[in-house]
Amino acid sequence: MTPRESMILALEGKQPTGLVPHMELVFFLHMEAFGKIQPTARHFGQWDQMSENERRLHRRDVADTYVTTARKYEQNAIFFHAPHGFKEEDIAITLEIIREISGMDYFLMLYCDPTLYIPNGDGMMEFVEKIADQPDKMKADCAKAVDDALVWADRWSKRKGLCDGMGMCSDYCFNSGPFVSPAMFDEFITPYLARTIAGLRELGFYTIKHTDGNIMPILDALVSCRPHALHSLDPQGSVDIAEVKRRVGKQVCLIGNVSCALLQNGTDQEVIDACRYALKSGMPGGGYIYGSSNCIYTGMPLERYELMLKVRKEEGIYK
C-alpha cells in the first residue's frame, strides 16, 4: 500500500494497514533537516526576469525538497504551497515534477478555501462594520468568492493526476471559541463552506477542513458541510480528540491533535503522552491521520518532531 493509498483510505473513514497515515500542513525546518530553504519562504521577486533554464532548476529544486521531506519523515501527503512568484503554470509544472520523482506515492494537495476567516487587527473593524451594517453585501461577496474558487478548482480538475485534494485553511476559532457566534457562523459561513465542499467533491477532490482553536461550539456545523476530514483538533483550544471521535468519528476523518505547545515547550514525556493519547483516541476503526495540532513551524525543535514520529513507528501501527 502506498502512502497515498493509505491516506485515501483514512479520508474515506476506513482503516489502512501498517503505519497510521501522517501529514503536516507545513514543515518549516528544511534548513535544519536538509540545508535547504523552505519552499514557501522562497521569494522569487525577479521570476519573470529569469531565463527559462533558471526557472526550470528552481522548480525542480522545490519539487525535490517536498519529496525529500515526505520520504524522510514518512508523510503520506504533500501540501504544495507555492513560492512567491510562481504562477499557476509554474505550480502545475512543479507538481508534474513531483509526480515524475515519486510516481503516485503521495497524496498531493493545494489550498482552496474562499470562506470567511478571522480578520487580522487591521481588518477587524471593517469586518465588524460590514457584517453588521451590510449583511446582504457580505453574503453576496461570500457567494462570489465560492464561485471564483470553484472556477479555479475546475481548472485543476482537468490536470489529471496532479491534485488529489484541497486543504481548506480559513481559521474560524480562537482558543476560547469561534470568532463569530454559532448563529452567525451558520448564517455567514456554513452555507458557503457547504457549497464549496460540494463543488470540490463533484470535481473529484478530497477536502480537508483546517481550523485551529476551540471548534466544539461549531463542530456539528462543520461536519454538516461534509468535508472528508477535520484538522487540527487543537488541544490548546480544549478540543479532546476522544470526545470528537465519539461524536463524529463515523462521519468524518480526524487529523492531528498532537499538541504543538508541548512539542515546543513540554518535556519529552509530555510529548510522548500527547502522541499516545492522539493515537489511542484517533486510530480505532480507522478514519484517523496522525499529525500536530498546527504544523511543524519555525522555531520548533526538530528533535521533538522526530520524537513524535518515533512514537508513531512504535505505537501507531494497524495490525
Protein backbone atom coordinates (compact mmCIF):
# COMPACT_ATOMS: atom_id res chain seq x y z
CA MET A 1 0.00 0.00 0.00
CA THR A 2 1.46 3.37 -1.00
CA PRO A 3 1.34 6.38 1.35
CA ARG A 4 -1.26 7.92 -0.98
CA GLU A 5 -3.48 4.83 -0.88
CA SER A 6 -3.27 4.70 2.92
CA MET A 7 -4.17 8.39 3.13
CA ILE A 8 -7.21 7.95 0.88
CA LEU A 9 -8.48 5.00 2.93
CA ALA A 10 -8.30 7.11 6.08
CA LEU A 11 -10.04 10.05 4.39
CA GLU A 12 -12.83 7.66 3.43
CA GLY A 13 -13.22 6.61 7.05
CA LYS A 14 -11.55 3.25 6.57
CA GLN A 15 -8.64 1.54 8.30
CA PRO A 16 -5.43 1.10 6.33
CA THR A 17 -2.75 -1.45 7.12
CA GLY A 18 0.65 -0.75 8.66
CA LEU A 19 1.59 2.69 9.94
CA VAL A 20 -1.21 5.13 10.67
CA PRO A 21 -1.17 7.81 7.93
CA HIS A 22 0.62 11.06 8.76
CA MET A 23 0.53 14.58 7.32
CA GLU A 24 1.51 18.12 8.27
CA LEU A 25 0.03 21.29 6.83
CA VAL A 26 3.55 22.71 6.51
CA PHE A 27 7.04 21.61 7.51
CA PHE A 28 9.26 24.66 8.07
CA LEU A 29 12.52 23.08 9.28
CA HIS A 30 14.10 22.28 5.91
CA MET A 31 17.30 24.21 6.63
CA GLU A 32 17.98 22.25 9.78
CA ALA A 33 16.91 18.95 8.23
CA PHE A 34 18.42 19.22 4.74
CA GLY A 35 20.30 22.52 4.46
CA LYS A 36 17.60 23.89 2.13
CA ILE A 37 15.33 26.92 2.22
CA GLN A 38 11.71 26.05 2.97
CA PRO A 39 9.72 26.34 -0.31
CA THR A 40 7.14 28.87 0.90
CA ALA A 41 9.93 31.08 2.27
CA ARG A 42 11.46 31.44 -1.20
CA HIS A 43 10.74 34.82 -2.70
CA PHE A 44 11.31 34.96 -6.45
CA GLY A 45 10.82 38.68 -6.94
CA GLN A 46 12.63 38.56 -10.28
CA TRP A 47 10.94 35.40 -11.52
CA ASP A 48 9.89 36.94 -14.83
CA GLN A 49 13.45 38.16 -15.47
CA MET A 50 14.95 34.69 -15.09
CA SER A 51 15.85 32.56 -18.05
CA GLU A 52 13.60 29.56 -18.55
CA ASN A 53 16.55 27.33 -17.65
CA GLU A 54 16.91 29.07 -14.26
CA ARG A 55 13.18 28.79 -13.58
CA ARG A 56 13.33 25.11 -14.52
CA LEU A 57 16.11 24.49 -12.00
CA HIS A 58 14.19 26.31 -9.26
CA ARG A 59 11.00 24.34 -9.93
CA ARG A 60 12.91 21.06 -9.77
CA ASP A 61 14.62 22.03 -6.52
CA VAL A 62 11.28 22.96 -4.95
CA ALA A 63 9.77 19.65 -6.08
CA ASP A 64 12.76 17.72 -4.80
CA THR A 65 12.53 19.48 -1.42
CA TYR A 66 8.90 18.44 -1.00
CA VAL A 67 9.57 14.82 -1.96
CA THR A 68 12.71 14.59 0.19
CA THR A 69 10.69 15.80 3.19
CA ALA A 70 7.86 13.34 2.60
CA ARG A 71 10.28 10.44 2.21
CA LYS A 72 12.47 11.25 5.22
CA TYR A 73 9.57 11.77 7.60
CA GLU A 74 7.27 9.13 6.08
CA GLN A 75 4.50 11.60 5.37
CA ASN A 76 1.56 10.43 3.29
CA ALA A 77 0.65 13.81 1.81
CA ILE A 78 2.40 16.76 0.21
CA PHE A 79 0.51 20.02 0.71
CA PHE A 80 2.00 22.21 -2.00
CA HIS A 81 2.39 25.86 -1.04
CA ALA A 82 3.73 27.82 -3.98
CA PRO A 83 6.81 30.02 -3.51
CA HIS A 84 6.24 33.73 -4.08
CA GLY A 85 6.49 34.45 -7.78
CA PHE A 86 5.13 31.12 -9.01
CA LYS A 87 2.22 31.39 -11.40
CA GLU A 88 -0.43 28.72 -11.92
CA GLU A 89 1.54 27.12 -14.73
CA ASP A 90 4.68 27.04 -12.56
CA ILE A 91 2.70 25.23 -9.87
CA ALA A 92 1.42 22.71 -12.41
CA ILE A 93 4.91 22.06 -13.79
CA THR A 94 6.30 21.61 -10.28
CA LEU A 95 3.54 19.14 -9.39
CA GLU A 96 4.37 17.25 -12.58
CA ILE A 97 7.98 17.05 -11.42
CA ILE A 98 6.85 15.75 -8.02
CA ARG A 99 4.92 13.02 -9.81
CA GLU A 100 7.93 12.34 -12.04
CA ILE A 101 10.19 11.92 -9.00
CA SER A 102 7.80 10.00 -6.76
CA GLY A 103 5.18 8.50 -9.06
CA MET A 104 1.79 8.18 -7.37
CA ASP A 105 3.32 7.57 -3.95
CA TYR A 106 1.99 10.73 -2.29
CA PHE A 107 -1.36 12.43 -1.89
CA LEU A 108 -0.96 15.91 -3.43
CA MET A 109 -2.90 18.89 -2.09
CA LEU A 110 -3.44 22.52 -2.97
CA TYR A 111 -5.06 25.32 -0.98
CA CYS A 112 -8.68 26.26 -1.66
CA ASP A 113 -10.90 27.97 0.91
CA PRO A 114 -12.97 31.03 -0.04
CA THR A 115 -14.88 31.21 3.25
CA LEU A 116 -14.63 33.98 5.84
CA TYR A 117 -11.85 33.74 8.41
CA ILE A 118 -10.60 35.59 11.48
CA PRO A 119 -9.60 39.09 10.28
CA ASN A 120 -6.25 40.48 11.30
CA GLY A 121 -6.09 43.50 13.57
CA ASP A 122 -6.03 45.97 10.69
CA GLY A 123 -9.15 44.49 9.14
CA MET A 124 -11.26 43.69 12.19
CA MET A 125 -13.21 46.95 12.39
CA GLU A 126 -14.02 46.92 8.68
CA PHE A 127 -15.21 43.32 9.01
CA VAL A 128 -17.41 44.09 12.01
CA GLU A 129 -18.97 47.12 10.32
CA LYS A 130 -19.69 45.21 7.12
CA ILE A 131 -21.22 42.15 8.74
CA ALA A 132 -23.39 44.37 10.97
CA ASP A 133 -24.39 47.09 8.51
CA GLN A 134 -24.23 45.34 5.13
CA PRO A 135 -25.08 41.68 5.73
CA ASP A 136 -26.52 41.19 2.25
CA LYS A 137 -23.37 42.64 0.68
CA MET A 138 -21.26 40.31 2.86
CA LYS A 139 -23.28 37.30 1.71
CA ALA A 140 -23.03 38.36 -1.93
CA ASP A 141 -19.25 38.66 -1.56
CA CYS A 142 -19.11 35.23 0.07
CA ALA A 143 -21.10 33.70 -2.78
CA LYS A 144 -18.85 35.34 -5.38
CA ALA A 145 -15.76 34.03 -3.59
CA VAL A 146 -17.16 30.49 -3.74
CA ASP A 147 -17.95 30.88 -7.46
CA ASP A 148 -14.42 32.07 -8.21
CA ALA A 149 -12.83 29.29 -6.12
CA LEU A 150 -14.79 26.59 -7.92
CA VAL A 151 -13.85 28.00 -11.33
CA TRP A 152 -10.20 27.82 -10.22
CA ALA A 153 -10.65 24.28 -8.87
CA ASP A 154 -12.30 23.18 -12.10
CA ARG A 155 -9.13 24.10 -13.98
CA TRP A 156 -7.14 21.87 -11.65
CA SER A 157 -9.60 19.01 -12.06
CA LYS A 158 -8.70 18.98 -15.74
CA ARG A 159 -4.99 18.49 -14.94
CA LYS A 160 -5.43 14.80 -14.31
CA GLY A 161 -3.28 13.19 -11.63
CA LEU A 162 -1.75 16.41 -10.29
CA CYS A 163 -4.05 17.18 -7.36
CA ASP A 164 -5.88 14.74 -5.10
CA GLY A 165 -7.34 17.11 -2.56
CA MET A 166 -7.81 20.63 -1.28
CA GLY A 167 -6.65 21.98 2.06
CA MET A 168 -9.26 24.40 3.33
CA CYS A 169 -7.40 26.62 5.77
CA SER A 170 -9.66 29.51 6.72
CA ASP A 171 -9.29 29.77 10.50
CA TYR A 172 -12.54 30.24 12.41
CA CYS A 173 -11.65 29.82 16.07
CA PHE A 174 -9.67 31.29 18.92
CA ASN A 175 -8.79 29.07 21.87
CA SER A 176 -11.94 30.41 23.53
CA GLY A 177 -14.25 29.58 20.63
CA PRO A 178 -15.36 30.74 17.15
CA PHE A 179 -14.70 34.33 16.08
CA VAL A 180 -18.42 34.75 15.40
CA SER A 181 -21.33 33.25 17.31
CA PRO A 182 -22.60 29.82 16.21
CA ALA A 183 -25.74 31.50 14.86
CA MET A 184 -23.68 33.94 12.78
CA PHE A 185 -21.44 31.07 11.68
CA ASP A 186 -24.50 29.29 10.31
CA GLU A 187 -25.57 32.44 8.52
CA PHE A 188 -22.31 33.71 7.04
CA ILE A 189 -20.05 30.66 6.78
CA THR A 190 -21.85 27.30 6.87
CA PRO A 191 -23.78 27.71 3.56
CA TYR A 192 -20.68 28.83 1.67
CA LEU A 193 -18.44 26.18 3.19
CA ALA A 194 -21.02 23.52 2.32
CA ARG A 195 -21.31 24.75 -1.27
CA THR A 196 -17.54 24.87 -1.69
CA ILE A 197 -17.10 21.33 -0.38
CA ALA A 198 -19.97 20.02 -2.51
CA GLY A 199 -18.41 21.62 -5.58
CA LEU A 200 -14.96 20.24 -4.80
CA ARG A 201 -16.38 16.78 -4.22
CA GLU A 202 -18.19 16.94 -7.55
CA LEU A 203 -14.88 17.79 -9.21
CA GLY A 204 -13.31 14.70 -7.65
CA PHE A 205 -11.28 16.28 -4.85
CA TYR A 206 -10.94 15.19 -1.25
CA THR A 207 -11.42 18.05 1.20
CA ILE A 208 -9.57 18.65 4.46
CA LYS A 209 -11.05 21.42 6.59
CA HIS A 210 -8.49 23.06 8.89
CA THR A 211 -9.11 25.44 11.71
CA ASP A 212 -7.23 25.87 14.97
CA GLY A 213 -8.78 26.70 18.31
CA ASN A 214 -11.95 25.57 20.05
CA ILE A 215 -14.21 24.16 17.34
CA MET A 216 -16.63 22.45 19.73
CA PRO A 217 -19.42 25.09 19.50
CA ILE A 218 -19.45 24.69 15.69
CA LEU A 219 -18.43 21.02 15.40
CA ASP A 220 -21.82 19.88 14.14
CA ALA A 221 -21.96 22.73 11.62
CA LEU A 222 -18.52 21.82 10.29
CA VAL A 223 -19.42 18.15 9.93
CA SER A 224 -22.74 19.02 8.26
CA CYS A 225 -20.74 20.59 5.40
CA ARG A 226 -19.35 17.12 4.63
CA PRO A 227 -15.59 17.64 4.49
CA HIS A 228 -13.68 14.39 4.23
CA ALA A 229 -11.57 15.39 7.23
CA LEU A 230 -11.23 17.87 10.07
CA HIS A 231 -7.82 19.27 11.09
CA SER A 232 -6.29 20.18 13.64
CA LEU A 233 -8.31 19.12 16.71
CA ASP A 234 -6.41 21.64 18.78
CA PRO A 235 -5.82 20.64 22.43
CA GLN A 236 -4.79 24.24 23.17
CA GLY A 237 -8.37 25.09 22.24
CA SER A 238 -9.65 22.45 24.67
CA VAL A 239 -10.54 20.03 21.87
CA ASP A 240 -10.49 16.44 23.19
CA ILE A 241 -9.94 14.06 20.30
CA ALA A 242 -11.59 11.22 22.21
CA GLU A 243 -14.78 13.27 22.54
CA VAL A 244 -14.68 14.32 18.87
CA LYS A 245 -14.11 10.71 17.81
CA ARG A 246 -17.09 9.61 19.90
CA ARG A 247 -19.38 12.32 18.49
CA VAL A 248 -18.46 12.45 14.80
CA GLY A 249 -15.76 9.87 14.14
CA LYS A 250 -18.06 7.80 11.94
CA GLN A 251 -18.94 10.81 9.79
CA VAL A 252 -15.57 12.45 9.16
CA CYS A 253 -11.87 11.59 9.22
CA LEU A 254 -9.91 13.24 12.04
CA ILE A 255 -6.42 14.70 11.61
CA GLY A 256 -3.92 15.95 14.18
CA ASN A 257 -4.22 16.62 17.93
CA VAL A 258 -0.55 16.27 18.96
CA SER A 259 -0.05 19.49 20.92
CA CYS A 260 2.29 22.00 19.30
CA ALA A 261 2.64 23.70 22.68
CA LEU A 262 4.11 20.51 24.13
CA LEU A 263 6.24 19.89 21.04
CA GLN A 264 7.66 23.36 21.60
CA ASN A 265 7.90 23.62 25.39
CA GLY A 266 6.88 20.37 27.07
CA THR A 267 9.07 17.61 28.45
CA ASP A 268 9.87 14.57 26.33
CA GLN A 269 7.47 12.52 28.44
CA GLU A 270 4.68 15.06 27.96
CA VAL A 271 5.22 14.87 24.20
CA ILE A 272 5.16 11.07 24.29
CA ASP A 273 1.96 11.08 26.38
CA ALA A 274 0.29 13.53 23.96
CA CYS A 275 1.27 11.37 20.99
CA ARG A 276 -0.03 8.23 22.67
CA TYR A 277 -3.32 9.90 23.54
CA ALA A 278 -3.85 11.07 19.95
CA LEU A 279 -3.06 7.62 18.56
CA LYS A 280 -5.11 5.72 21.14
CA SER A 281 -8.11 8.02 20.67
CA GLY A 282 -7.96 8.52 16.93
CA MET A 283 -6.86 5.20 15.44
CA PRO A 284 -9.59 2.70 16.45
CA GLY A 285 -11.73 1.80 13.46
CA GLY A 286 -9.70 3.92 11.05
CA GLY A 287 -10.60 7.38 9.82
CA TYR A 288 -7.60 8.99 11.54
CA ILE A 289 -4.46 10.71 10.25
CA TYR A 290 -1.66 11.46 12.71
CA GLY A 291 -0.27 14.99 12.91
CA SER A 292 0.49 18.01 15.03
CA SER A 293 -2.19 20.43 16.17
CA ASN A 294 -0.99 23.01 13.63
CA CYS A 295 2.23 22.48 11.70
CA ILE A 296 5.96 21.95 12.20
CA TYR A 297 6.72 25.63 12.41
CA THR A 298 9.87 27.74 12.51
CA GLY A 299 11.49 27.58 15.94
CA MET A 300 10.11 24.18 16.93
CA PRO A 301 12.95 21.83 17.90
CA LEU A 302 13.39 19.31 15.09
CA GLU A 303 14.14 16.59 17.62
CA ARG A 304 10.64 16.98 19.04
CA TYR A 305 9.08 16.26 15.65
CA GLU A 306 11.39 13.28 15.35
CA LEU A 307 10.24 12.11 18.79
CA MET A 308 6.63 12.43 17.64
CA LEU A 309 7.44 10.21 14.66
CA LYS A 310 9.29 7.71 16.85
CA VAL A 311 6.11 7.19 18.88
CA ARG A 312 4.19 6.69 15.64
CA LYS A 313 6.62 4.00 14.48
CA GLU A 314 6.40 2.17 17.79
CA GLU A 315 2.71 2.55 18.62
CA GLY A 316 0.89 3.81 15.52
CA ILE A 317 0.61 0.52 13.68
CA TYR A 318 -2.55 -1.18 12.49
CA LYS A 319 -2.22 -4.92 12.87
